[in-house]
Protein backbone atom coordinates (compact mmCIF):
# COMPACT_ATOMS: atom_id res chain seq x y z
CA UNK A 1 107.09 105.40 117.38
CA UNK A 2 107.57 103.99 114.25
CA UNK A 3 108.01 106.42 111.30
CA UNK A 4 106.75 105.53 107.88
CA UNK A 5 108.00 106.87 104.94
CA UNK A 6 106.67 106.68 101.54
CA UNK A 7 108.23 107.26 98.29
CA UNK A 8 107.95 106.59 93.98
CA UNK A 9 105.03 108.96 93.05
CA UNK A 10 105.02 111.05 90.09
CA UNK A 11 103.59 111.92 86.96
CA UNK A 12 102.13 108.90 84.98
CA UNK A 13 99.89 109.29 81.26
CA UNK A 14 96.73 106.82 81.64
CA UNK A 15 97.56 103.48 81.62
CA UNK A 16 100.91 103.64 83.30
CA UNK A 17 102.48 101.95 85.99
CA UNK A 18 104.39 103.02 89.50
CA UNK A 19 105.62 100.80 92.48
CA UNK A 20 105.30 102.60 96.20
CA UNK A 21 107.47 102.26 98.77
CA UNK A 22 106.98 102.53 102.70
CA UNK A 23 109.72 101.81 104.65
CA UNK A 24 108.94 102.00 108.20
CA UNK A 25 111.64 102.45 111.28
CA UNK A 26 111.25 99.74 113.99
CA UNK A 27 110.63 96.13 114.63
CA UNK A 28 107.13 96.03 115.29
CA UNK A 29 106.41 95.97 111.42
CA UNK A 30 106.68 92.28 111.04
CA UNK A 31 103.58 91.76 113.47
CA UNK A 32 101.27 94.30 111.74
CA UNK A 33 99.06 94.54 109.30
CA UNK A 34 100.01 97.33 106.70
CA UNK A 35 97.83 99.51 104.65
CA UNK A 36 98.20 101.68 101.43
CA UNK A 37 95.50 104.87 101.87
CA UNK A 38 95.01 108.01 99.43
CA UNK A 39 93.54 111.38 99.79
CA UNK A 40 92.48 113.30 96.47
CA UNK A 41 91.99 116.99 96.85
CA UNK A 42 88.97 117.64 98.69
CA UNK A 43 87.93 114.36 99.63
CA UNK A 44 88.53 111.76 102.71
CA UNK A 45 91.40 109.57 102.99
CA UNK A 46 90.45 106.14 101.62
CA UNK A 47 91.86 103.01 102.51
CA UNK A 48 93.67 101.44 98.82
CA UNK A 49 94.74 98.01 100.09
CA UNK A 50 95.77 96.19 102.77
CA UNK A 51 98.16 92.86 103.69
CA UNK A 52 98.28 90.76 106.95
CA UNK A 53 101.12 89.44 108.62
CA UNK A 54 100.43 86.45 106.97
CA UNK A 55 100.42 87.57 103.51
CA UNK A 56 96.65 87.71 102.56
CA UNK A 57 95.48 90.89 100.64
CA UNK A 58 92.07 92.89 99.93
CA UNK A 59 91.81 95.29 97.64
CA UNK A 60 89.20 98.67 97.17
CA UNK A 61 86.71 97.96 94.49
CA UNK A 62 88.24 100.93 92.28
CA UNK A 63 91.49 99.39 92.41
CA UNK A 64 91.41 95.71 91.76
CA UNK A 65 92.90 93.68 89.49
CA UNK A 66 94.92 96.63 89.01
CA UNK A 67 96.75 97.33 92.22
CA UNK A 68 99.24 94.79 94.07
CA UNK A 69 100.28 95.17 97.77
CA UNK A 70 102.99 93.51 99.02
CA UNK A 71 105.49 93.59 102.00
CA UNK A 72 109.05 92.88 102.58
CA UNK A 73 109.34 92.40 106.05
CA UNK A 74 112.87 91.48 106.30
CA UNK A 75 113.78 95.45 105.01
CA UNK A 76 110.45 97.05 106.89
CA UNK A 77 109.09 97.69 103.71
CA UNK A 78 105.50 97.31 102.20
CA UNK A 79 105.28 97.82 98.63
CA UNK A 80 101.95 99.11 96.26
CA UNK A 81 102.23 98.22 92.28
CA UNK A 82 99.78 100.12 90.54
CA UNK A 83 99.32 98.86 86.98
CA UNK A 84 96.59 100.67 84.31
CA UNK A 85 96.39 103.91 86.19
CA UNK A 86 93.44 106.03 85.87
CA UNK A 87 92.80 110.03 86.16
CA UNK A 88 90.73 109.17 89.32
CA UNK A 89 93.71 107.49 90.99
CA UNK A 90 95.29 110.89 91.23
CA UNK A 91 96.13 111.64 95.28
CA UNK A 92 98.12 111.76 97.76
CA UNK A 93 99.09 107.79 99.09
CA UNK A 94 100.29 107.10 102.62
CA UNK A 95 101.03 103.62 104.10
CA UNK A 96 99.91 103.14 107.77
CA UNK A 97 98.47 100.30 109.89
CA UNK A 98 95.43 98.63 108.60
CA UNK A 99 93.47 99.03 112.13
CA UNK A 100 93.62 101.41 115.01
CA UNK A 101 95.51 102.73 116.76
CA UNK A 102 97.69 104.28 114.12
CA UNK A 103 100.97 105.23 113.74
CA UNK A 104 101.65 109.25 112.90
CA UNK A 105 101.08 109.80 109.32
CA UNK A 106 104.23 110.36 107.00
CA UNK A 107 104.44 113.46 104.49
CA UNK A 108 102.92 110.86 101.68
CA UNK A 109 103.54 110.51 98.13
CA UNK A 110 102.07 112.20 95.22
CA UNK A 111 100.69 110.16 92.73
CA UNK A 112 99.51 112.07 89.48
CA UNK A 113 97.56 110.29 86.46
CA UNK A 114 97.41 112.84 83.20
CA UNK A 115 97.94 113.05 80.17
């Protein structure tokens, strides 16, 4: 069973940047499309960004031009570089497979954008 461990969240001012990391156990990582999701209080979990095994990417409209997803298959890690952060980006961020069936969800990492 693959385990996913997210890190890199924190408190940042509007306009600031953060880089999230997601380390995956197991060799299956390199053959899976991966994605970052987020869940804000009182809202459903939503897809933020995804990357295929070939490196193609897609983004939610709300983060296009500000967030970048990339992966390092040698390290079984997927990253999310977040720039120009806004208060509405505040959420718990999770990584997982892009498509079902999902791996077990990790604890996520809290991102809070506030002045």
